[in-house]
């Protein structure tokens, strides 16, 4: 090892030293709502505990929001909307860049807090914090063009379109990479000129609290970004039903998306859903198998497998299946499970004891269906005694098994052999979900045919998931409604308005003469 390169143990100790005072302050102060620029408790006075998945330690008492708190936040967002909407776009751009600056200044704190709050490995959370700042910068730079439209002249009229912000919106975000995913929703909403009420996942409230405070520190006016913590069935339901909230952006489970759609129906609320996935990675026999293997391992075992875009089904062509799975097995056995602050860790503890139980339940389901657990298939005795699990590889599966149909949302990969192109497409499409698909082949004609045939909102050919912010992100079927990214985000957070200017030459029919 180069003398200039810190030892893994030294970096681990430095991470723990960094997080200790942050956790002490968090436990002492607790987490309140941020409404109209003020940190406040719930009107009811109720709180709930948030615990670390690493060791079960209580991190903080969190304000448990209810309908009264949501009403207070929605009212603040509604009152702030007009001034935020009318603020010059150049000023909104400047403020959102300040938010990005504040995030970058605290990126290390955000990363270690997110590790302790969610169990995600530091190697991924360090990058997630920087990506969050990039989200704000990307949409900040688009503030000045958010209202842009089209000129479509006809013979007698000039027809122009423009976009206007829809109004106060609700954003409900998940517990996996919560800070980055929160910025993914909140940044375009603010750039569009909307005000926001944010309801973070109750399992990961820590960095959502920090985001709201950083936005205030950066100068975002009071009432523009409000954060209300609480349980989905209480605070979340009240948000989706509130008449002042014009749209709901939600990331989470498909069943919850269905409930939100029903709750928002009486107020004709616009919805944008980024939901679950059971995504296939299809490896043909003419692929670059070394690169494909790297991508297969990364896209299911990174981020603890707790990611909607994970390629949780490996569809492998029969002729190469045995050799590929042999190499895959060795790689899975070598994965490092450990403390999330340890830079050597590749898989940390799962987010919550209930989620651990859900993922572990699929071990018996796989065996009952007749599949083989080639690697893993049990909890893991990790440091701190938290919600650790062995990275799991299931072979001997077919497309009808539950482990090939249902979203496990953990470090759990199911292998399914296929015969040919048509067989691969049929298997890939034979699930309720349609978020992403990954195709590995040396034949570009086949790659394009398969991409066209897959029922998924996003396809990567000879690549893992590499996000480019201007491109559309979203799924089909039970994986969601709508798209994030670039102008696609503005299409959701804004209304398109058509204005027709007459030349004064067209004939107007005369009635009543």
Protein backbone atom coordinates (compact mmCIF):
# COMPACT_ATOMS: atom_id res chain seq x y z
CA UNK A 1 0.00 0.00 0.00
CA UNK A 2 1.21 3.52 -0.85
CA UNK A 3 2.26 5.40 2.28
CA UNK A 4 0.05 8.32 1.21
CA UNK A 5 -3.03 6.10 1.07
CA UNK A 6 -4.88 5.91 4.41
CA UNK A 7 -5.46 2.45 5.81
CA UNK A 8 -9.02 1.18 5.76
CA UNK A 9 -9.01 1.01 9.56
CA UNK A 10 -7.90 4.65 9.78
CA UNK A 11 -10.67 5.79 7.44
CA UNK A 12 -13.21 3.74 9.39
CA UNK A 13 -12.08 5.38 12.64
CA UNK A 14 -12.24 8.84 11.04
CA UNK A 15 -15.80 8.19 9.83
CA UNK A 16 -16.86 7.10 13.32
CA UNK A 17 -15.17 10.12 14.87
CA UNK A 18 -17.00 12.39 12.44
CA UNK A 19 -20.43 10.91 13.07
CA UNK A 20 -20.21 10.77 16.89
CA UNK A 21 -20.78 14.50 17.60
CA UNK A 22 -23.47 14.66 14.90
CA UNK A 23 -25.37 11.80 16.55
CA UNK A 24 -24.98 13.33 20.01
CA UNK A 25 -26.46 16.61 18.80
CA UNK A 26 -29.23 14.78 16.95
CA UNK A 27 -30.23 12.78 20.02
CA UNK A 28 -30.17 15.87 22.23
CA UNK A 29 -32.21 18.13 19.92
CA UNK A 30 -34.49 15.57 18.27
CA UNK A 31 -36.15 16.12 14.91
CA UNK A 32 -39.02 18.55 14.50
CA UNK A 33 -41.03 19.67 11.50
CA UNK A 34 -39.83 22.68 9.53
CA UNK A 35 -42.94 24.70 8.69
CA UNK A 36 -42.91 28.27 7.39
CA UNK A 37 -39.23 28.56 8.23
CA UNK A 38 -39.57 27.45 11.87
CA UNK A 39 -38.67 24.17 13.57
CA UNK A 40 -41.80 23.13 15.45
CA UNK A 41 -43.12 20.07 17.29
CA UNK A 42 -46.32 18.30 16.29
CA UNK A 43 -49.49 20.02 17.43
CA UNK A 44 -50.42 16.77 19.19
CA UNK A 45 -47.04 16.65 20.94
CA UNK A 46 -46.55 13.08 19.74
CA UNK A 47 -43.17 11.71 18.68
CA UNK A 48 -41.70 8.44 17.44
CA UNK A 49 -38.24 6.93 17.71
CA UNK A 50 -35.91 6.49 14.78
CA UNK A 51 -33.33 3.75 15.27
CA UNK A 52 -30.12 2.85 13.48
CA UNK A 53 -30.19 -0.41 11.52
CA UNK A 54 -26.54 -0.91 12.51
CA UNK A 55 -27.16 -1.65 16.18
CA UNK A 56 -30.74 -0.64 17.01
CA UNK A 57 -29.61 2.47 18.89
CA UNK A 58 -32.17 5.26 19.14
CA UNK A 59 -30.93 8.14 16.99
CA UNK A 60 -33.59 10.70 17.85
CA UNK A 61 -37.14 11.41 18.89
CA UNK A 62 -39.00 12.57 15.77
CA UNK A 63 -42.11 14.74 15.66
CA UNK A 64 -45.06 12.59 14.61
CA UNK A 65 -47.04 14.73 12.23
CA UNK A 66 -50.78 14.43 11.69
CA UNK A 67 -53.48 16.18 9.67
CA UNK A 68 -53.15 19.41 11.69
CA UNK A 69 -49.43 19.65 10.97
CA UNK A 70 -49.95 18.90 7.29
CA UNK A 71 -52.65 21.59 7.16
CA UNK A 72 -50.27 24.08 8.77
CA UNK A 73 -47.53 23.21 6.23
CA UNK A 74 -49.88 23.24 3.23
CA UNK A 75 -51.23 26.63 4.28
CA UNK A 76 -47.68 27.98 4.56
CA UNK A 77 -46.84 26.60 1.11
CA UNK A 78 -49.99 28.13 -0.37
CA UNK A 79 -49.26 31.55 1.16
CA UNK A 80 -45.65 31.49 -0.09
CA UNK A 81 -46.55 30.28 -3.57
CA UNK A 82 -47.39 33.60 -5.24
CA UNK A 83 -44.16 35.36 -4.24
CA UNK A 84 -42.03 32.31 -5.09
CA UNK A 85 -43.78 31.89 -8.45
CA UNK A 86 -43.30 35.57 -9.27
CA UNK A 87 -39.69 35.75 -8.12
CA UNK A 88 -37.42 36.41 -11.13
CA UNK A 89 -36.12 33.09 -12.44
CA UNK A 90 -32.55 34.36 -12.17
CA UNK A 91 -33.05 34.87 -8.42
CA UNK A 92 -34.53 31.39 -7.96
CA UNK A 93 -31.54 30.04 -9.88
CA UNK A 94 -29.16 31.85 -7.53
CA UNK A 95 -30.92 30.52 -4.43
CA UNK A 96 -30.94 26.90 -5.68
CA UNK A 97 -27.23 27.13 -6.42
CA UNK A 98 -26.77 28.29 -2.83
CA UNK A 99 -28.62 25.17 -1.68
CA UNK A 100 -26.22 23.07 -3.79
CA UNK A 101 -23.28 24.90 -2.20
CA UNK A 102 -24.66 24.18 1.28
CA UNK A 103 -25.09 20.48 0.43
CA UNK A 104 -21.51 20.26 -0.85
CA UNK A 105 -20.21 21.97 2.28
CA UNK A 106 -21.93 19.32 4.42
CA UNK A 107 -21.49 16.37 2.03
CA UNK A 108 -19.32 14.38 4.44
CA UNK A 109 -21.78 14.88 7.30
CA UNK A 110 -24.70 13.90 5.06
CA UNK A 111 -22.89 10.74 3.97
CA UNK A 112 -22.06 9.45 7.45
CA UNK A 113 -25.50 10.34 8.83
CA UNK A 114 -27.16 8.52 5.96
CA UNK A 115 -24.99 5.46 6.61
CA UNK A 116 -26.07 5.30 10.25
CA UNK A 117 -29.70 6.13 9.48
CA UNK A 118 -30.19 3.71 6.56
CA UNK A 119 -27.40 1.11 6.75
CA UNK A 120 -26.08 1.96 3.29
CA UNK A 121 -22.35 1.55 2.70
CA UNK A 122 -20.28 4.74 2.85
CA UNK A 123 -18.73 4.08 -0.56
CA UNK A 124 -22.16 4.73 -2.09
CA UNK A 125 -23.47 7.42 0.27
CA UNK A 126 -20.44 9.64 -0.24
CA UNK A 127 -21.34 9.83 -3.92
CA UNK A 128 -25.07 10.19 -3.21
CA UNK A 129 -24.53 13.43 -1.31
CA UNK A 130 -22.58 14.91 -4.23
CA UNK A 131 -25.27 13.75 -6.67
CA UNK A 132 -27.84 15.56 -4.55
CA UNK A 133 -25.94 18.81 -5.05
CA UNK A 134 -25.77 18.07 -8.77
CA UNK A 135 -29.55 17.66 -8.84
CA UNK A 136 -29.99 21.16 -7.44
CA UNK A 137 -27.42 22.65 -9.82
CA UNK A 138 -28.96 20.96 -12.84
CA UNK A 139 -32.44 22.30 -12.17
CA UNK A 140 -31.14 25.67 -10.94
CA UNK A 141 -29.62 26.21 -14.36
CA UNK A 142 -33.00 25.44 -15.94
CA UNK A 143 -34.99 27.95 -13.89
CA UNK A 144 -34.68 30.55 -16.62
CA UNK A 145 -36.12 28.23 -19.29
CA UNK A 146 -38.76 26.44 -17.21
CA UNK A 147 -41.56 28.54 -18.73
CA UNK A 148 -40.36 28.07 -22.31
CA UNK A 149 -42.92 26.78 -24.82
CA UNK A 150 -43.52 26.68 -28.56
CA UNK A 151 -44.62 28.97 -31.36
CA UNK A 152 -46.97 27.15 -33.74
CA UNK A 153 -48.43 29.73 -36.15
CA UNK A 154 -51.50 29.08 -38.30
CA UNK A 155 -52.86 31.12 -41.22
CA UNK A 156 -54.83 33.58 -39.07
CA UNK A 157 -53.21 33.31 -35.62
CA UNK A 158 -49.94 33.21 -33.81
CA UNK A 159 -50.21 30.30 -31.37
CA UNK A 160 -47.75 30.24 -28.50
CA UNK A 161 -47.48 28.06 -25.44
CA UNK A 162 -45.89 28.64 -22.08
CA UNK A 163 -45.69 26.80 -18.78
CA UNK A 164 -46.72 28.03 -15.34
CA UNK A 165 -46.09 26.34 -11.96
CA UNK A 166 -49.00 24.19 -10.84
CA UNK A 167 -48.98 25.43 -7.23
CA UNK A 168 -48.07 23.91 -3.86
CA UNK A 169 -47.07 20.27 -4.28
CA UNK A 170 -46.52 17.31 -1.96
CA UNK A 171 -43.38 15.21 -2.18
CA UNK A 172 -43.27 11.82 -0.44
CA UNK A 173 -39.87 10.18 -0.56
CA UNK A 174 -38.50 6.70 0.28
CA UNK A 175 -35.98 5.40 2.76
CA UNK A 176 -33.39 4.09 0.29
CA UNK A 177 -30.81 6.80 -0.53
CA UNK A 178 -33.32 9.27 0.95
CA UNK A 179 -31.27 12.46 0.69
CA UNK A 180 -30.45 12.12 -2.99
CA UNK A 181 -33.95 10.98 -3.95
CA UNK A 182 -35.50 13.86 -2.01
CA UNK A 183 -33.45 16.37 -4.00
CA UNK A 184 -34.44 14.59 -7.21
CA UNK A 185 -38.07 15.58 -6.53
CA UNK A 186 -37.71 18.82 -4.60
CA UNK A 187 -35.15 20.57 -6.82
CA UNK A 188 -37.28 20.55 -10.03
CA UNK A 189 -40.40 21.53 -8.08
CA UNK A 190 -38.66 24.58 -6.65
CA UNK A 191 -37.04 25.41 -10.00
CA UNK A 192 -40.46 25.30 -11.65
CA UNK A 193 -41.77 27.86 -9.16
CA UNK A 194 -43.77 25.50 -6.96
CA UNK A 195 -43.72 25.46 -3.19
CA UNK A 196 -43.30 22.10 -1.45
CA UNK A 197 -44.53 20.09 1.52
CA UNK A 198 -42.13 17.19 1.97
CA UNK A 199 -43.11 14.05 3.88
CA UNK A 200 -39.98 11.87 4.24
CA UNK A 201 -40.07 8.15 4.94
CA UNK A 202 -40.46 7.55 8.66
CA UNK A 203 -37.63 4.99 8.61
CA UNK A 204 -35.06 7.56 7.45
CA UNK A 205 -35.89 11.07 8.73
CA UNK A 206 -32.42 12.29 9.67
CA UNK A 207 -31.07 13.75 6.43
CA UNK A 208 -34.48 15.07 5.35
CA UNK A 209 -34.37 17.25 8.44
CA UNK A 210 -30.90 18.42 7.46
CA UNK A 211 -31.98 19.19 3.87
CA UNK A 212 -34.78 21.48 5.06
CA UNK A 213 -32.38 23.34 7.34
CA UNK A 214 -29.76 23.69 4.59
CA UNK A 215 -32.37 25.17 2.25
CA UNK A 216 -33.34 27.74 4.88
CA UNK A 217 -29.67 28.49 5.55
CA UNK A 218 -29.18 29.08 1.82
CA UNK A 219 -31.89 31.74 1.83
CA UNK A 220 -34.90 29.88 0.45
CA UNK A 221 -37.85 31.96 1.72
CA UNK A 222 -40.00 30.73 4.58
CA UNK A 223 -42.91 28.55 3.48
CA UNK A 224 -41.32 27.54 0.17
CA UNK A 225 -39.96 24.20 1.47
CA UNK A 226 -41.78 22.68 4.43
CA UNK A 227 -40.97 19.28 5.94
CA UNK A 228 -43.46 17.29 8.01
CA UNK A 229 -42.34 14.00 9.52
CA UNK A 230 -44.70 11.19 10.37
CA UNK A 231 -46.28 7.87 9.48
CA UNK A 232 -47.55 7.30 5.97
CA UNK A 233 -51.09 6.37 7.03
CA UNK A 234 -51.31 9.61 9.06
CA UNK A 235 -49.19 12.47 7.70
CA UNK A 236 -48.83 10.97 4.22
CA UNK A 237 -52.56 10.37 3.82
CA UNK A 238 -53.38 13.88 5.04
CA UNK A 239 -50.95 15.33 2.49
CA UNK A 240 -52.40 13.40 -0.44
CA UNK A 241 -55.93 14.46 0.54
CA UNK A 242 -55.25 18.14 1.26
CA UNK A 243 -57.11 20.44 -1.16
CA UNK A 244 -54.33 23.07 -1.25
CA UNK A 245 -51.85 20.52 -2.60
CA UNK A 246 -52.15 20.37 -6.38
CA UNK A 247 -49.89 17.39 -7.13
CA UNK A 248 -48.12 14.51 -5.39
CA UNK A 249 -44.71 13.20 -6.37
CA UNK A 250 -44.13 9.83 -4.73
CA UNK A 251 -41.32 7.27 -4.72
CA UNK A 252 -42.04 3.95 -3.05
CA UNK A 253 -43.99 0.70 -3.21
CA UNK A 254 -46.57 0.06 -5.91
CA UNK A 255 -49.32 -0.74 -3.39
CA UNK A 256 -48.76 2.61 -1.67
CA UNK A 257 -48.96 4.35 -5.05
CA UNK A 258 -52.38 2.82 -5.61
CA UNK A 259 -53.55 4.09 -2.22
CA UNK A 260 -52.22 7.60 -2.93
CA UNK A 261 -54.03 7.70 -6.27
CA UNK A 262 -57.31 6.83 -4.55
CA UNK A 263 -56.73 9.38 -1.77
CA UNK A 264 -56.01 12.15 -4.26
CA UNK A 265 -58.92 11.37 -6.57
CA UNK A 266 -61.59 13.52 -4.82
CA UNK A 267 -59.41 16.63 -5.33
CA UNK A 268 -58.34 15.57 -8.85
CA UNK A 269 -54.75 15.63 -7.72
CA UNK A 270 -52.05 15.12 -10.34
CA UNK A 271 -49.74 12.24 -9.41
CA UNK A 272 -46.26 11.14 -10.38
CA UNK A 273 -45.22 7.70 -9.19
CA UNK A 274 -41.83 6.00 -9.27
CA UNK A 275 -42.66 2.58 -7.88
CA UNK A 276 -41.28 -0.95 -7.67
CA UNK A 277 -39.43 -3.11 -10.14
CA UNK A 278 -38.46 -6.69 -10.91
CA UNK A 279 -35.92 -5.74 -13.51
CA UNK A 280 -34.24 -8.21 -15.87
CA UNK A 281 -30.62 -8.19 -16.93
CA UNK A 282 -30.43 -10.28 -20.11
CA UNK A 283 -27.03 -11.75 -20.99
CA UNK A 284 -26.68 -13.33 -24.44
CA UNK A 285 -23.90 -15.74 -25.34
CA UNK A 286 -22.13 -13.20 -27.59
CA UNK A 287 -21.82 -10.55 -24.85
CA UNK A 288 -18.61 -9.26 -23.29
CA UNK A 289 -19.09 -11.65 -20.37
CA UNK A 290 -16.51 -10.08 -18.06
CA UNK A 291 -18.15 -6.66 -18.28
CA UNK A 292 -21.59 -8.22 -18.04
CA UNK A 293 -20.56 -10.05 -14.86
CA UNK A 294 -19.34 -6.83 -13.27
CA UNK A 295 -22.64 -5.12 -14.13
CA UNK A 296 -24.77 -8.03 -12.89
CA UNK A 297 -23.06 -8.04 -9.49
CA UNK A 298 -23.09 -4.25 -9.13
CA UNK A 299 -26.74 -3.73 -10.09
CA UNK A 300 -28.17 -6.10 -7.48
CA UNK A 301 -25.70 -6.08 -4.59
CA UNK A 302 -24.81 -2.37 -4.44
CA UNK A 303 -26.95 -0.19 -2.16
CA UNK A 304 -27.88 -3.40 -0.27
CA UNK A 305 -30.13 -4.35 -3.20
CA UNK A 306 -32.56 -1.75 -1.84
CA UNK A 307 -33.02 0.11 -5.11
CA UNK A 308 -35.93 0.20 -7.52
CA UNK A 309 -33.66 -0.13 -10.56
CA UNK A 310 -31.75 -3.19 -9.33
CA UNK A 311 -31.47 -6.01 -11.84
CA UNK A 312 -32.93 -8.66 -9.56
CA UNK A 313 -33.52 -11.24 -12.32
CA UNK A 314 -30.57 -12.56 -14.30
CA UNK A 315 -31.74 -14.01 -17.60
CA UNK A 316 -28.78 -15.97 -18.95
CA UNK A 317 -28.61 -17.82 -22.28
CA UNK A 318 -28.49 -21.58 -21.71
CA UNK A 319 -25.22 -22.26 -23.54
CA UNK A 320 -23.19 -20.04 -21.22
CA UNK A 321 -25.30 -20.37 -18.07
CA UNK A 322 -23.16 -22.89 -16.16
CA UNK A 323 -19.84 -21.12 -16.63
CA UNK A 324 -21.30 -17.66 -16.01
CA UNK A 325 -23.10 -18.75 -12.85
CA UNK A 326 -19.92 -20.44 -11.60
CA UNK A 327 -18.05 -17.10 -11.82
CA UNK A 328 -21.04 -15.24 -10.41
CA UNK A 329 -21.19 -17.58 -7.42
CA UNK A 330 -17.56 -16.89 -6.57
CA UNK A 331 -18.12 -13.14 -6.76
CA UNK A 332 -21.19 -13.24 -4.52
CA UNK A 333 -19.37 -15.33 -1.92
CA UNK A 334 -16.58 -12.73 -1.87
CA UNK A 335 -18.83 -9.73 -1.19
CA UNK A 336 -17.90 -7.85 1.98
CA UNK A 337 -20.75 -7.46 4.49
CA UNK A 338 -19.95 -5.07 7.31
CA UNK A 339 -20.40 -1.80 9.14
CA UNK A 340 -21.60 0.90 6.73
CA UNK A 341 -18.90 3.36 7.79
CA UNK A 342 -16.14 0.86 6.96
CA UNK A 343 -14.83 1.81 3.49
CA UNK A 344 -14.24 -1.89 2.76
CA UNK A 345 -17.94 -2.65 3.22
CA UNK A 346 -19.94 -3.44 0.10
CA UNK A 347 -23.21 -4.47 1.82
CA UNK A 348 -24.45 -2.98 5.09
CA UNK A 349 -27.47 -3.78 7.26
CA UNK A 350 -30.98 -3.53 5.82
CA UNK A 351 -33.04 -0.49 6.78
CA UNK A 352 -35.44 -1.95 9.36
CA UNK A 353 -36.26 -5.13 11.22
CA UNK A 354 -39.56 -5.45 9.33
CA UNK A 355 -37.76 -5.21 6.02
CA UNK A 356 -35.16 -7.74 7.17
CA UNK A 357 -37.98 -10.16 7.99
CA UNK A 358 -39.56 -9.61 4.58
CA UNK A 359 -36.33 -10.29 2.67
CA UNK A 360 -35.54 -13.34 4.81
CA UNK A 361 -39.01 -14.75 4.14
CA UNK A 362 -38.00 -15.27 0.51
CA UNK A 363 -35.39 -17.84 1.53
CA UNK A 364 -38.14 -20.31 2.44
CA UNK A 365 -40.27 -19.19 -0.52
CA UNK A 366 -37.40 -20.01 -2.89
CA UNK A 367 -36.92 -23.47 -1.38
CA UNK A 368 -40.65 -24.20 -1.36
CA UNK A 369 -40.86 -23.31 -5.05
CA UNK A 370 -38.04 -25.76 -5.80
CA UNK A 371 -35.23 -23.28 -6.45
CA UNK A 372 -31.70 -23.67 -5.09
CA UNK A 373 -30.03 -21.15 -2.80
CA UNK A 374 -26.51 -21.30 -4.18
CA UNK A 375 -25.12 -18.56 -1.91
CA UNK A 376 -26.43 -16.97 1.26
CA UNK A 377 -29.98 -17.55 2.35
CA UNK A 378 -29.62 -16.50 6.00
CA UNK A 379 -29.17 -13.46 8.24
CA UNK A 380 -25.58 -12.35 8.83
CA UNK A 381 -23.95 -11.75 12.20
CA UNK A 382 -22.57 -8.29 11.50
CA UNK A 383 -20.92 -5.66 13.72
CA UNK A 384 -23.36 -4.09 16.13
CA UNK A 385 -25.83 -6.96 15.74
CA UNK A 386 -28.02 -5.01 13.32
CA UNK A 387 -30.20 -6.02 10.37
CA UNK A 388 -27.50 -7.77 8.36
CA UNK A 389 -28.17 -10.39 5.71
CA UNK A 390 -26.03 -12.65 3.59
CA UNK A 391 -25.94 -11.66 -0.09
CA UNK A 392 -28.05 -14.33 -1.73
CA UNK A 393 -27.97 -16.03 -5.12
CA UNK A 394 -30.84 -18.28 -6.23
CA UNK A 395 -30.43 -20.74 -9.10
CA UNK A 396 -32.60 -23.49 -10.55
CA UNK A 397 -35.48 -21.02 -10.90
CA UNK A 398 -38.10 -20.57 -13.58
CA UNK A 399 -40.12 -17.54 -14.57
CA UNK A 400 -43.28 -18.61 -12.70
CA UNK A 401 -41.71 -18.80 -9.25
CA UNK A 402 -42.48 -16.10 -6.72
CA UNK A 403 -38.77 -15.21 -6.47
CA UNK A 404 -38.92 -14.47 -10.20
CA UNK A 405 -42.14 -12.45 -9.96
CA UNK A 406 -42.11 -10.46 -6.70
CA UNK A 407 -39.91 -7.56 -5.66
CA UNK A 408 -37.66 -8.70 -2.80
CA UNK A 409 -35.78 -5.36 -2.51
CA UNK A 410 -32.63 -6.76 -1.00
CA UNK A 411 -29.29 -8.31 -2.03
CA UNK A 412 -31.13 -11.23 -3.62
CA UNK A 413 -30.58 -12.34 -7.23
CA UNK A 414 -32.62 -14.98 -9.07
CA UNK A 415 -31.08 -16.71 -12.11
CA UNK A 416 -33.33 -17.87 -14.97
CA UNK A 417 -31.90 -19.54 -18.10
CA UNK A 418 -33.42 -18.79 -21.52
CA UNK A 419 -33.21 -20.38 -24.97
CA UNK A 420 -33.21 -17.57 -27.51
CA UNK A 421 -34.17 -13.95 -28.10
CA UNK A 422 -37.93 -14.53 -28.13
CA UNK A 423 -37.76 -16.63 -24.97
CA UNK A 424 -35.75 -13.91 -23.19
CA UNK A 425 -38.28 -11.23 -24.13
CA UNK A 426 -41.22 -13.36 -23.00
CA UNK A 427 -39.61 -14.05 -19.62
CA UNK A 428 -38.51 -10.44 -19.15
CA UNK A 429 -42.02 -9.09 -19.84
CA UNK A 430 -43.82 -11.74 -17.81
CA UNK A 431 -44.06 -9.72 -14.58
CA UNK A 432 -46.30 -6.93 -13.31
CA UNK A 433 -43.46 -4.43 -13.28
CA UNK A 434 -41.80 -2.45 -16.06
CA UNK A 435 -39.18 -0.07 -14.70
CA UNK A 436 -35.81 -0.96 -16.25
CA UNK A 437 -34.16 -3.58 -18.41
CA UNK A 438 -30.48 -4.32 -19.11
CA UNK A 439 -29.29 -6.13 -22.23
CA UNK A 440 -25.82 -7.52 -22.88
CA UNK A 441 -25.00 -8.64 -26.41
CA UNK A 442 -22.44 -8.06 -29.13
CA UNK A 443 -25.16 -7.89 -31.79
CA UNK A 444 -26.46 -4.31 -31.95
CA UNK A 445 -29.36 -5.31 -34.15
CA UNK A 446 -30.52 -7.77 -31.51
CA UNK A 447 -29.89 -5.21 -28.75
CA UNK A 448 -32.20 -2.73 -30.48
CA UNK A 449 -34.87 -5.35 -31.18
CA UNK A 450 -34.92 -6.46 -27.56
CA UNK A 451 -34.92 -2.87 -26.28
CA UNK A 452 -37.93 -2.14 -28.48
CA UNK A 453 -39.78 -5.24 -27.27
CA UNK A 454 -39.13 -4.88 -23.53
CA UNK A 455 -42.00 -3.48 -21.48
CA UNK A 456 -39.90 -1.08 -19.43
CA UNK A 457 -39.51 2.65 -19.19
CA UNK A 458 -35.70 2.59 -19.28
CA UNK A 459 -33.30 0.28 -21.08
CA UNK A 460 -29.52 0.15 -20.84
CA UNK A 461 -27.63 -1.72 -23.57
CA UNK A 462 -24.23 -3.11 -22.58
CA UNK A 463 -24.26 -0.93 -19.47
CA UNK A 464 -25.34 -0.82 -15.86
CA UNK A 465 -27.68 1.99 -14.74
CA UNK A 466 -25.90 5.26 -15.50
CA UNK A 467 -28.18 8.23 -14.82
CA UNK A 468 -28.09 11.25 -17.15
CA UNK A 469 -30.24 14.01 -15.65
CA UNK A 470 -31.85 15.39 -18.86
CA UNK A 471 -33.19 11.95 -19.82
CA UNK A 472 -36.60 10.58 -18.76
CA UNK A 473 -36.67 8.38 -15.66
CA UNK A 474 -39.76 6.30 -14.94
CA UNK A 475 -41.55 3.03 -15.58
CA UNK A 476 -44.49 1.26 -17.14
CA UNK A 477 -47.17 -1.07 -15.74
CA UNK A 478 -46.98 -1.33 -11.94
CA UNK A 479 -43.66 0.52 -11.89
CA UNK A 480 -45.10 3.98 -12.13
CA UNK A 481 -46.73 6.90 -13.86
CA UNK A 482 -44.84 9.82 -15.38
CA UNK A 483 -41.20 10.70 -15.88
CA UNK A 484 -38.52 12.61 -13.98
CA UNK A 485 -35.57 14.41 -15.46
CA UNK A 486 -35.00 17.58 -17.48
CA UNK A 487 -38.14 19.01 -19.07
CA UNK A 488 -40.04 15.85 -18.11
CA UNK A 489 -39.99 17.05 -14.50
CA UNK A 490 -41.30 20.46 -15.53
CA UNK A 491 -44.13 18.79 -17.43
CA UNK A 492 -45.30 17.42 -14.10
CA UNK A 493 -44.75 20.42 -11.84
CA UNK A 494 -46.12 22.93 -14.37
CA UNK A 495 -49.28 23.52 -16.39
CA UNK A 496 -48.96 24.16 -20.11
CA UNK A 497 -50.90 27.24 -21.23
CA UNK A 498 -51.85 28.01 -24.82
CA UNK A 499 -52.25 31.63 -25.96
CA UNK A 500 -53.62 32.42 -29.44
CA UNK A 501 -53.05 35.90 -30.92
CA UNK A 502 -55.36 36.80 -33.79
CA UNK A 503 -53.99 38.73 -36.79
CA UNK A 504 -57.37 40.45 -37.03
CA UNK A 505 -58.09 39.05 -40.46
CA UNK A 506 -60.06 35.87 -39.82
CA UNK A 507 -63.80 35.82 -40.43
CA UNK A 508 -66.02 35.72 -37.31
CA UNK A 509 -69.48 34.22 -37.75
CA UNK A 510 -72.34 36.61 -37.00
CA UNK A 511 -75.31 35.32 -35.03
CA UNK A 512 -78.48 37.06 -33.87
CA UNK A 513 -78.62 39.56 -36.70
